[in-house]
């Protein structure tokens, strides 16, 4: 019975935390955490292609690398928020 009460308290707390604004904030965080590394990789790739031209495109390679890093970064943030919501641990 006590376990059910604790689960109910966690659910109520999660409902209070998850509002429309926090959802929009999370979307913004996820967007920026993907966009920034992608843009930085692309900018570095363009610079490398202009200054050190070669057979392969640095721009394309670093765009893909930045995108991958950004997706891992976004996954980290979403997993962290999900864990905090479901366990009630806010740090």
PDB file of N, CA and C in Angstrom:
ATOM      1  N   UNK A   1       0.824  -1.195   0.000  1.00  0.00           N
ATOM      2  CA  UNK A   1       0.000   0.000   0.000  1.00  0.00           C
ATOM      3  C   UNK A   1       0.871   1.262   0.000  1.00  0.00           C
ATOM      4  N   UNK A   2       1.946   1.194   0.772  1.00  0.00           N
ATOM      5  CA  UNK A   2       2.829   2.347   0.863  1.00  0.00           C
ATOM      6  C   UNK A   2       3.486   2.635  -0.496  1.00  0.00           C
ATOM      7  N   UNK A   3       3.836   1.570  -1.216  1.00  0.00           N
ATOM      8  CA  UNK A   3       4.465   1.715  -2.524  1.00  0.00           C
ATOM      9  C   UNK A   3       3.519   2.407  -3.512  1.00  0.00           C
ATOM     10  N   UNK A   4       2.253   2.059  -3.443  1.00  0.00           N
ATOM     11  CA  UNK A   4       1.247   2.680  -4.320  1.00  0.00           C
ATOM     12  C   UNK A   4       1.140   4.172  -4.013  1.00  0.00           C
ATOM     13  N   UNK A   5       1.162   4.518  -2.736  1.00  0.00           N
ATOM     14  CA  UNK A   5       1.098   5.927  -2.346  1.00  0.00           C
ATOM     15  C   UNK A   5       2.297   6.714  -2.849  1.00  0.00           C
ATOM     16  N   UNK A   6       3.479   6.108  -2.785  1.00  0.00           N
ATOM     17  CA  UNK A   6       4.687   6.773  -3.272  1.00  0.00           C
ATOM     18  C   UNK A   6       4.632   6.973  -4.786  1.00  0.00           C
ATOM     19  N   UNK A   7       4.129   5.965  -5.498  1.00  0.00           N
ATOM     20  CA  UNK A   7       4.005   6.086  -6.951  1.00  0.00           C
ATOM     21  C   UNK A   7       3.018   7.188  -7.309  1.00  0.00           C
ATOM     22  N   UNK A   8       1.945   7.267  -6.566  1.00  0.00           N
ATOM     23  CA  UNK A   8       0.947   8.308  -6.830  1.00  0.00           C
ATOM     24  C   UNK A   8       1.536   9.697  -6.594  1.00  0.00           C
ATOM     25  N   UNK A   9       2.315   9.840  -5.543  1.00  0.00           N
ATOM     26  CA  UNK A   9       2.956  11.126  -5.270  1.00  0.00           C
ATOM     27  C   UNK A   9       3.899  11.508  -6.403  1.00  0.00           C
ATOM     28  N   UNK A  10       4.661  10.535  -6.914  1.00  0.00           N
ATOM     29  CA  UNK A  10       5.565  10.810  -8.024  1.00  0.00           C
ATOM     30  C   UNK A  10       4.798  11.230  -9.271  1.00  0.00           C
ATOM     31  N   UNK A  11       3.674  10.561  -9.529  1.00  0.00           N
ATOM     32  CA  UNK A  11       2.880  10.910 -10.705  1.00  0.00           C
ATOM     33  C   UNK A  11       2.312  12.320 -10.590  1.00  0.00           C
ATOM     34  N   UNK A  12       1.831  12.669  -9.412  1.00  0.00           N
ATOM     35  CA  UNK A  12       1.294  14.010  -9.213  1.00  0.00           C
ATOM     36  C   UNK A  12       2.388  15.059  -9.361  1.00  0.00           C
ATOM     37  N   UNK A  13       3.559  14.771  -8.834  1.00  0.00           N
ATOM     38  CA  UNK A  13       4.673  15.702  -8.963  1.00  0.00           C
ATOM     39  C   UNK A  13       5.078  15.848 -10.430  1.00  0.00           C
ATOM     40  N   UNK A  14       5.087  14.749 -11.157  1.00  0.00           N
ATOM     41  CA  UNK A  14       5.445  14.796 -12.577  1.00  0.00           C
ATOM     42  C   UNK A  14       4.449  15.639 -13.356  1.00  0.00           C
ATOM     43  N   UNK A  15       3.179  15.533 -13.012  1.00  0.00           N
ATOM     44  CA  UNK A  15       2.167  16.332 -13.704  1.00  0.00           C
ATOM     45  C   UNK A  15       2.361  17.813 -13.434  1.00  0.00           C
ATOM     46  N   UNK A  16       2.803  18.152 -12.223  1.00  0.00           N
ATOM     47  CA  UNK A  16       3.051  19.554 -11.901  1.00  0.00           C
ATOM     48  C   UNK A  16       4.258  20.078 -12.655  1.00  0.00           C
ATOM     49  N   UNK A  17       5.266  19.242 -12.784  1.00  0.00           N
ATOM     50  CA  UNK A  17       6.504  19.673 -13.438  1.00  0.00           C
ATOM     51  C   UNK A  17       6.313  19.813 -14.939  1.00  0.00           C
ATOM     52  N   UNK A  18       5.653  18.856 -15.532  1.00  0.00           N
ATOM     53  CA  UNK A  18       5.494  18.839 -16.982  1.00  0.00           C
ATOM     54  C   UNK A  18       4.316  19.730 -17.355  1.00  0.00           C
ATOM     55  N   UNK A  19       4.643  20.911 -17.778  1.00  0.00           N
ATOM     56  CA  UNK A  19       3.622  21.839 -18.259  1.00  0.00           C
ATOM     57  C   UNK A  19       3.912  22.135 -19.719  1.00  0.00           C
ATOM     58  N   UNK A  20       3.071  22.923 -20.284  1.00  0.00           N
ATOM     59  CA  UNK A  20       3.279  23.268 -21.687  1.00  0.00           C
ATOM     60  C   UNK A  20       4.575  24.046 -21.858  1.00  0.00           C
ATOM     61  N   UNK A  21       4.912  24.884 -20.891  1.00  0.00           N
ATOM     62  CA  UNK A  21       6.128  25.684 -21.004  1.00  0.00           C
ATOM     63  C   UNK A  21       7.382  24.839 -20.860  1.00  0.00           C
ATOM     64  N   UNK A  22       7.347  23.890 -19.959  1.00  0.00           N
ATOM     65  CA  UNK A  22       8.531  23.038 -19.821  1.00  0.00           C
ATOM     66  C   UNK A  22       8.687  22.154 -21.057  1.00  0.00           C
ATOM     67  N   UNK A  23       7.569  21.767 -21.661  1.00  0.00           N
ATOM     68  CA  UNK A  23       7.636  21.000 -22.905  1.00  0.00           C
ATOM     69  C   UNK A  23       8.236  21.818 -24.028  1.00  0.00           C
ATOM     70  N   UNK A  24       7.815  23.078 -24.136  1.00  0.00           N
ATOM     71  CA  UNK A  24       8.394  23.957 -25.155  1.00  0.00           C
ATOM     72  C   UNK A  24       9.866  24.223 -24.871  1.00  0.00           C
ATOM     73  N   UNK A  25      10.183  24.367 -23.594  1.00  0.00           N
ATOM     74  CA  UNK A  25      11.583  24.571 -23.222  1.00  0.00           C
ATOM     75  C   UNK A  25      12.436  23.372 -23.592  1.00  0.00           C
ATOM     76  N   UNK A  26      11.905  22.179 -23.390  1.00  0.00           N
ATOM     77  CA  UNK A  26      12.649  20.969 -23.739  1.00  0.00           C
ATOM     78  C   UNK A  26      12.823  20.883 -25.250  1.00  0.00           C
ATOM     79  N   UNK A  27      11.786  21.258 -26.000  1.00  0.00           N
ATOM     80  CA  UNK A  27      11.918  21.250 -27.462  1.00  0.00           C
ATOM     81  C   UNK A  27      13.009  22.215 -27.898  1.00  0.00           C
ATOM     82  N   UNK A  28      13.068  23.377 -27.260  1.00  0.00           N
ATOM     83  CA  UNK A  28      14.109  24.347 -27.580  1.00  0.00           C
ATOM     84  C   UNK A  28      15.489  23.822 -27.233  1.00  0.00           C
ATOM     85  N   UNK A  29      15.595  23.191 -26.083  1.00  0.00           N
ATOM     86  CA  UNK A  29      16.872  22.627 -25.646  1.00  0.00           C
ATOM     87  C   UNK A  29      17.342  21.541 -26.607  1.00  0.00           C
ATOM     88  N   UNK A  30      16.428  20.681 -26.994  1.00  0.00           N
ATOM     89  CA  UNK A  30      16.766  19.606 -27.934  1.00  0.00           C
ATOM     90  C   UNK A  30      17.165  20.215 -29.282  1.00  0.00           C
ATOM     91  N   UNK A  31      16.432  21.190 -29.737  1.00  0.00           N
ATOM     92  CA  UNK A  31      16.756  21.834 -31.011  1.00  0.00           C
ATOM     93  C   UNK A  31      18.133  22.471 -31.014  1.00  0.00           C
ATOM     94  N   UNK A  32      18.425  23.232 -29.975  1.00  0.00           N
ATOM     95  CA  UNK A  32      19.722  23.882 -29.896  1.00  0.00           C
ATOM     96  C   UNK A  32      20.853  22.890 -29.707  1.00  0.00           C
ATOM     97  N   UNK A  33      20.594  21.818 -28.947  1.00  0.00           N
ATOM     98  CA  UNK A  33      21.657  20.847 -28.706  1.00  0.00           C
ATOM     99  C   UNK A  33      22.002  20.064 -29.968  1.00  0.00           C
ATOM    100  N   UNK A  34      21.117  20.055 -30.949  1.00  0.00           N
ATOM    101  CA  UNK A  34      21.414  19.438 -32.246  1.00  0.00           C
ATOM    102  C   UNK A  34      21.960  20.493 -33.214  1.00  0.00           C
ATOM    103  N   UNK A  35      21.363  21.669 -33.219  1.00  0.00           N
ATOM    104  CA  UNK A  35      21.733  22.692 -34.204  1.00  0.00           C
ATOM    105  C   UNK A  35      23.143  23.240 -33.998  1.00  0.00           C
ATOM    106  N   UNK A  36      23.524  23.491 -32.759  1.00  0.00           N
ATOM    107  CA  UNK A  36      24.830  24.127 -32.511  1.00  0.00           C
ATOM    108  C   UNK A  36      25.997  23.249 -32.972  1.00  0.00           C
ATOM    109  N   UNK A  37      26.086  21.975 -32.553  1.00  0.00           N
ATOM    110  CA  UNK A  37      27.209  21.174 -33.058  1.00  0.00           C
ATOM    111  C   UNK A  37      27.186  20.982 -34.576  1.00  0.00           C
ATOM    112  N   UNK A  38      25.995  20.903 -35.155  1.00  0.00           N
ATOM    113  CA  UNK A  38      25.887  20.743 -36.602  1.00  0.00           C
ATOM    114  C   UNK A  38      26.426  21.980 -37.317  1.00  0.00           C
ATOM    115  N   UNK A  39      26.034  23.153 -36.846  1.00  0.00           N
ATOM    116  CA  UNK A  39      26.506  24.393 -37.466  1.00  0.00           C
ATOM    117  C   UNK A  39      27.995  24.606 -37.250  1.00  0.00           C
ATOM    118  N   UNK A  40      28.490  24.267 -36.061  1.00  0.00           N
ATOM    119  CA  UNK A  40      29.921  24.400 -35.792  1.00  0.00           C
ATOM    120  C   UNK A  40      30.735  23.454 -36.678  1.00  0.00           C
ATOM    121  N   UNK A  41      30.266  22.231 -36.825  1.00  0.00           N
ATOM    122  CA  UNK A  41      30.945  21.281 -37.700  1.00  0.00           C
ATOM    123  C   UNK A  41      30.945  21.744 -39.140  1.00  0.00           C
ATOM    124  N   UNK A  42      29.819  22.273 -39.584  1.00  0.00           N
ATOM    125  CA  UNK A  42      29.721  22.774 -40.952  1.00  0.00           C
ATOM    126  C   UNK A  42      30.649  23.961 -41.174  1.00  0.00           C
ATOM    127  N   UNK A  43      30.664  24.897 -40.235  1.00  0.00           N
ATOM    128  CA  UNK A  43      31.532  26.075 -40.367  1.00  0.00           C
ATOM    129  C   UNK A  43      33.002  25.668 -40.391  1.00  0.00           C
ATOM    130  N   UNK A  44      33.387  24.752 -39.512  1.00  0.00           N
ATOM    131  CA  UNK A  44      34.773  24.271 -39.508  1.00  0.00           C
ATOM    132  C   UNK A  44      35.096  23.561 -40.825  1.00  0.00           C
ATOM    133  N   UNK A  45      34.145  22.779 -41.331  1.00  0.00           N
ATOM    134  CA  UNK A  45      34.352  22.082 -42.600  1.00  0.00           C
ATOM    135  C   UNK A  45      34.521  23.041 -43.759  1.00  0.00           C
ATOM    136  N   UNK A  46      33.733  24.097 -43.804  1.00  0.00           N
ATOM    137  CA  UNK A  46      33.861  25.098 -44.869  1.00  0.00           C
ATOM    138  C   UNK A  46      35.228  25.759 -44.803  1.00  0.00           C
ATOM    139  N   UNK A  47      35.649  26.104 -43.585  1.00  0.00           N
ATOM    140  CA  UNK A  47      36.958  26.730 -43.403  1.00  0.00           C
ATOM    141  C   UNK A  47      38.077  25.790 -43.872  1.00  0.00           C
ATOM    142  N   UNK A  48      37.985  24.519 -43.468  1.00  0.00           N
ATOM    143  CA  UNK A  48      39.009  23.553 -43.877  1.00  0.00           C
ATOM    144  C   UNK A  48      39.015  23.350 -45.392  1.00  0.00           C
ATOM    145  N   UNK A  49      37.834  23.281 -46.000  1.00  0.00           N
ATOM    146  CA  UNK A  49      37.756  23.107 -47.455  1.00  0.00           C
ATOM    147  C   UNK A  49      38.366  24.297 -48.200  1.00  0.00           C
ATOM    148  N   UNK A  50      38.171  25.504 -47.670  1.00  0.00           N
ATOM    149  CA  UNK A  50      38.735  26.689 -48.328  1.00  0.00           C
ATOM    150  C   UNK A  50      40.251  26.763 -48.152  1.00  0.00           C
ATOM    151  N   UNK A  51      40.724  26.426 -46.970  1.00  0.00           N
ATOM    152  CA  UNK A  51      42.147  26.583 -46.670  1.00  0.00           C
ATOM    153  C   UNK A  51      42.988  25.346 -46.987  1.00  0.00           C
ATOM    154  N   UNK A  52      42.395  24.190 -46.948  1.00  0.00           N
ATOM    155  CA  UNK A  52      43.106  22.937 -47.220  1.00  0.00           C
ATOM    156  C   UNK A  52      42.275  22.058 -48.151  1.00  0.00           C
ATOM    157  N   UNK A  53      42.120  22.480 -49.404  1.00  0.00           N
ATOM    158  CA  UNK A  53      41.298  21.687 -50.329  1.00  0.00           C
ATOM    159  C   UNK A  53      41.915  20.311 -50.554  1.00  0.00           C
ATOM    160  N   UNK A  54      41.035  19.345 -50.683  1.00  0.00           N
ATOM    161  CA  UNK A  54      41.503  17.987 -50.900  1.00  0.00           C
ATOM    162  C   UNK A  54      40.512  17.196 -51.723  1.00  0.00           C
ATOM    163  N   UNK A  55      40.733  15.910 -51.722  1.00  0.00           N
ATOM    164  CA  UNK A  55      39.885  15.035 -52.504  1.00  0.00           C
ATOM    165  C   UNK A  55      38.516  14.834 -51.849  1.00  0.00           C
ATOM    166  N   UNK A  56      38.472  14.919 -50.533  1.00  0.00           N
ATOM    167  CA  UNK A  56      37.221  14.697 -49.805  1.00  0.00           C
ATOM    168  C   UNK A  56      36.696  16.002 -49.221  1.00  0.00           C
ATOM    169  N   UNK A  57      35.403  16.050 -49.013  1.00  0.00           N
ATOM    170  CA  UNK A  57      34.759  17.247 -48.491  1.00  0.00           C
ATOM    171  C   UNK A  57      34.761  17.249 -46.965  1.00  0.00           C
ATOM    172  N   UNK A  58      35.518  18.187 -46.407  1.00  0.00           N
ATOM    173  CA  UNK A  58      35.493  18.344 -44.949  1.00  0.00           C
ATOM    174  C   UNK A  58      34.124  18.827 -44.485  1.00  0.00           C
ATOM    175  N   UNK A  59      33.492  19.653 -45.286  1.00  0.00           N
ATOM    176  CA  UNK A  59      32.190  20.207 -44.906  1.00  0.00           C
ATOM    177  C   UNK A  59      31.175  19.099 -44.680  1.00  0.00           C
ATOM    178  N   UNK A  60      31.088  18.186 -45.607  1.00  0.00           N
ATOM    179  CA  UNK A  60      30.129  17.093 -45.477  1.00  0.00           C
ATOM    180  C   UNK A  60      30.473  16.182 -44.307  1.00  0.00           C
ATOM    181  N   UNK A  61      31.760  15.859 -44.168  1.00  0.00           N
ATOM    182  CA  UNK A  61      32.180  14.965 -43.085  1.00  0.00           C
ATOM    183  C   UNK A  61      31.902  15.585 -41.714  1.00  0.00           C
ATOM    184  N   UNK A  62      32.231  16.857 -41.546  1.00  0.00           N
ATOM    185  CA  UNK A  62      32.045  17.496 -40.251  1.00  0.00           C
ATOM    186  C   UNK A  62      30.577  17.856 -39.990  1.00  0.00           C
ATOM    187  N   UNK A  63      29.808  18.078 -41.053  1.00  0.00           N
ATOM    188  CA  UNK A  63      28.370  18.270 -40.882  1.00  0.00           C
ATOM    189  C   UNK A  63      27.755  16.993 -40.294  1.00  0.00           C
ATOM    190  N   UNK A  64      28.115  15.848 -40.844  1.00  0.00           N
ATOM    191  CA  UNK A  64      27.586  14.571 -40.355  1.00  0.00           C
ATOM    192  C   UNK A  64      28.074  14.300 -38.935  1.00  0.00           C
ATOM    193  N   UNK A  65      29.344  14.591 -38.669  1.00  0.00           N
ATOM    194  CA  UNK A  65      29.880  14.393 -37.317  1.00  0.00           C
ATOM    195  C   UNK A  65      29.173  15.306 -36.319  1.00  0.00           C
ATOM    196  N   UNK A  66      28.968  16.567 -36.689  1.00  0.00           N
ATOM    197  CA  UNK A  66      28.271  17.504 -35.807  1.00  0.00           C
ATOM    198  C   UNK A  66      26.840  17.085 -35.561  1.00  0.00           C
ATOM    199  N   UNK A  67      26.195  16.585 -36.587  1.00  0.00           N
ATOM    200  CA  UNK A  67      24.822  16.111 -36.438  1.00  0.00           C
ATOM    201  C   UNK A  67      24.756  14.914 -35.495  1.00  0.00           C
ATOM    202  N   UNK A  68      25.701  13.994 -35.651  1.00  0.00           N
ATOM    203  CA  UNK A  68      25.733  12.822 -34.765  1.00  0.00           C
ATOM    204  C   UNK A  68      25.983  13.241 -33.320  1.00  0.00           C
ATOM    205  N   UNK A  69      26.934  14.140 -33.112  1.00  0.00           N
ATOM    206  CA  UNK A  69      27.213  14.625 -31.756  1.00  0.00           C
ATOM    207  C   UNK A  69      25.989  15.336 -31.192  1.00  0.00           C
ATOM    208  N   UNK A  70      25.324  16.141 -32.004  1.00  0.00           N
ATOM    209  CA  UNK A  70      24.122  16.850 -31.563  1.00  0.00           C
ATOM    210  C   UNK A  70      22.998  15.897 -31.187  1.00  0.00           C
ATOM    211  N   UNK A  71      22.821  14.839 -31.967  1.00  0.00           N
ATOM    212  CA  UNK A  71      21.769  13.861 -31.655  1.00  0.00           C
ATOM    213  C   UNK A  71      22.078  13.122 -30.353  1.00  0.00           C
ATOM    214  N   UNK A  72      23.340  12.771 -30.142  1.00  0.00           N
ATOM    215  CA  UNK A  72      23.716  12.136 -28.876  1.00  0.00           C
ATOM    216  C   UNK A  72      23.508  13.085 -27.704  1.00  0.00           C
ATOM    217  N   UNK A  73      23.831  14.347 -27.910  1.00  0.00           N
ATOM    218  CA  UNK A  73      23.635  15.358 -26.880  1.00  0.00           C
ATOM    219  C   UNK A  73      22.146  15.515 -26.542  1.00  0.00           C
ATOM    220  N   UNK A  74      21.301  15.578 -27.568  1.00  0.00           N
ATOM    221  CA  UNK A  74      19.856  15.688 -27.349  1.00  0.00           C
ATOM    222  C   UNK A  74      19.328  14.450 -26.642  1.00  0.00           C
ATOM    223  N   UNK A  75      19.779  13.269 -27.035  1.00  0.00           N
ATOM    224  CA  UNK A  75      19.359  12.034 -26.376  1.00  0.00           C
ATOM    225  C   UNK A  75      19.727  12.064 -24.900  1.00  0.00           C
ATOM    226  N   UNK A  76      20.908  12.567 -24.602  1.00  0.00           N
ATOM    227  CA  UNK A  76      21.349  12.679 -23.205  1.00  0.00           C
ATOM    228  C   UNK A  76      20.398  13.555 -22.399  1.00  0.00           C
ATOM    229  N   UNK A  77      20.043  14.731 -22.939  1.00  0.00           N
ATOM    230  CA  UNK A  77      19.165  15.655 -22.214  1.00  0.00           C
ATOM    231  C   UNK A  77      17.764  15.083 -22.026  1.00  0.00           C
ATOM    232  N   UNK A  78      17.224  14.463 -23.061  1.00  0.00           N
ATOM    233  CA  UNK A  78      15.873  13.897 -22.969  1.00  0.00           C
ATOM    234  C   UNK A  78      15.854  12.737 -21.971  1.00  0.00           C
ATOM    235  N   UNK A  79      16.877  11.895 -22.002  1.00  0.00           N
ATOM    236  CA  UNK A  79      16.951  10.779 -21.047  1.00  0.00           C
ATOM    237  C   UNK A  79      17.086  11.293 -19.622  1.00  0.00           C
ATOM    238  N   UNK A  80      17.870  12.343 -19.435  1.00  0.00           N
ATOM    239  CA  UNK A  80      18.045  12.932 -18.103  1.00  0.00           C
ATOM    240  C   UNK A  80      16.725  13.497 -17.577  1.00  0.00           C
ATOM    241  N   UNK A  81      16.024  14.244 -18.414  1.00  0.00           N
ATOM    242  CA  UNK A  81      14.731  14.807 -17.993  1.00  0.00           C
ATOM    243  C   UNK A  81      13.715  13.707 -17.697  1.00  0.00           C
ATOM    244  N   UNK A  82      13.692  12.684 -18.518  1.00  0.00           N
ATOM    245  CA  UNK A  82      12.772  11.574 -18.312  1.00  0.00           C
ATOM    246  C   UNK A  82      13.065  10.882 -16.985  1.00  0.00           C
ATOM    247  N   UNK A  83      14.338  10.673 -16.703  1.00  0.00           N
ATOM    248  CA  UNK A  83      14.741  10.041 -15.452  1.00  0.00           C
ATOM    249  C   UNK A  83      14.329  10.903 -14.255  1.00  0.00           C
ATOM    250  N   UNK A  84      14.535  12.214 -14.361  1.00  0.00           N
ATOM    251  CA  UNK A  84      14.172  13.119 -13.269  1.00  0.00           C
ATOM    252  C   UNK A  84      12.670  13.158 -13.034  1.00  0.00           C
ATOM    253  N   UNK A  85      11.903  13.129 -14.102  1.00  0.00           N
ATOM    254  CA  UNK A  85      10.447  13.168 -13.975  1.00  0.00           C
ATOM    255  C   UNK A  85       9.937  11.897 -13.311  1.00  0.00           C
ATOM    256  N   UNK A  86      10.472  10.753 -13.732  1.00  0.00           N
ATOM    257  CA  UNK A  86       9.952   9.493 -13.223  1.00  0.00           C
ATOM    258  C   UNK A  86      10.501   9.087 -11.864  1.00  0.00           C
ATOM    259  N   UNK A  87      11.651   9.631 -11.465  1.00  0.00           N
ATOM    260  CA  UNK A  87      12.185   9.286 -10.149  1.00  0.00           C
ATOM    261  C   UNK A  87      11.993  10.406  -9.144  1.00  0.00           C
ATOM    262  N   UNK A  88      11.648  11.577  -9.619  1.00  0.00           N
ATOM    263  CA  UNK A  88      11.439  12.701  -8.715  1.00  0.00           C
ATOM    264  C   UNK A  88      12.734  13.347  -8.263  1.00  0.00           C
ATOM    265  N   UNK A  89      13.842  13.037  -8.921  1.00  0.00           N
ATOM    266  CA  UNK A  89      15.134  13.593  -8.545  1.00  0.00           C
ATOM    267  C   UNK A  89      15.441  14.807  -9.390  1.00  0.00           C
ATOM    268  N   UNK A  90      15.441  15.950  -8.791  1.00  0.00           N
ATOM    269  CA  UNK A  90      15.834  17.194  -9.473  1.00  0.00           C
ATOM    270  C   UNK A  90      17.164  17.627  -8.903  1.00  0.00           C
ATOM    271  N   UNK A  91      18.145  17.839  -9.769  1.00  0.00           N
ATOM    272  CA  UNK A  91      19.473  18.278  -9.306  1.00  0.00           C
ATOM    273  C   UNK A  91      19.761  19.658  -9.798  1.00  0.00           C
TER     274      UNK A  91
END
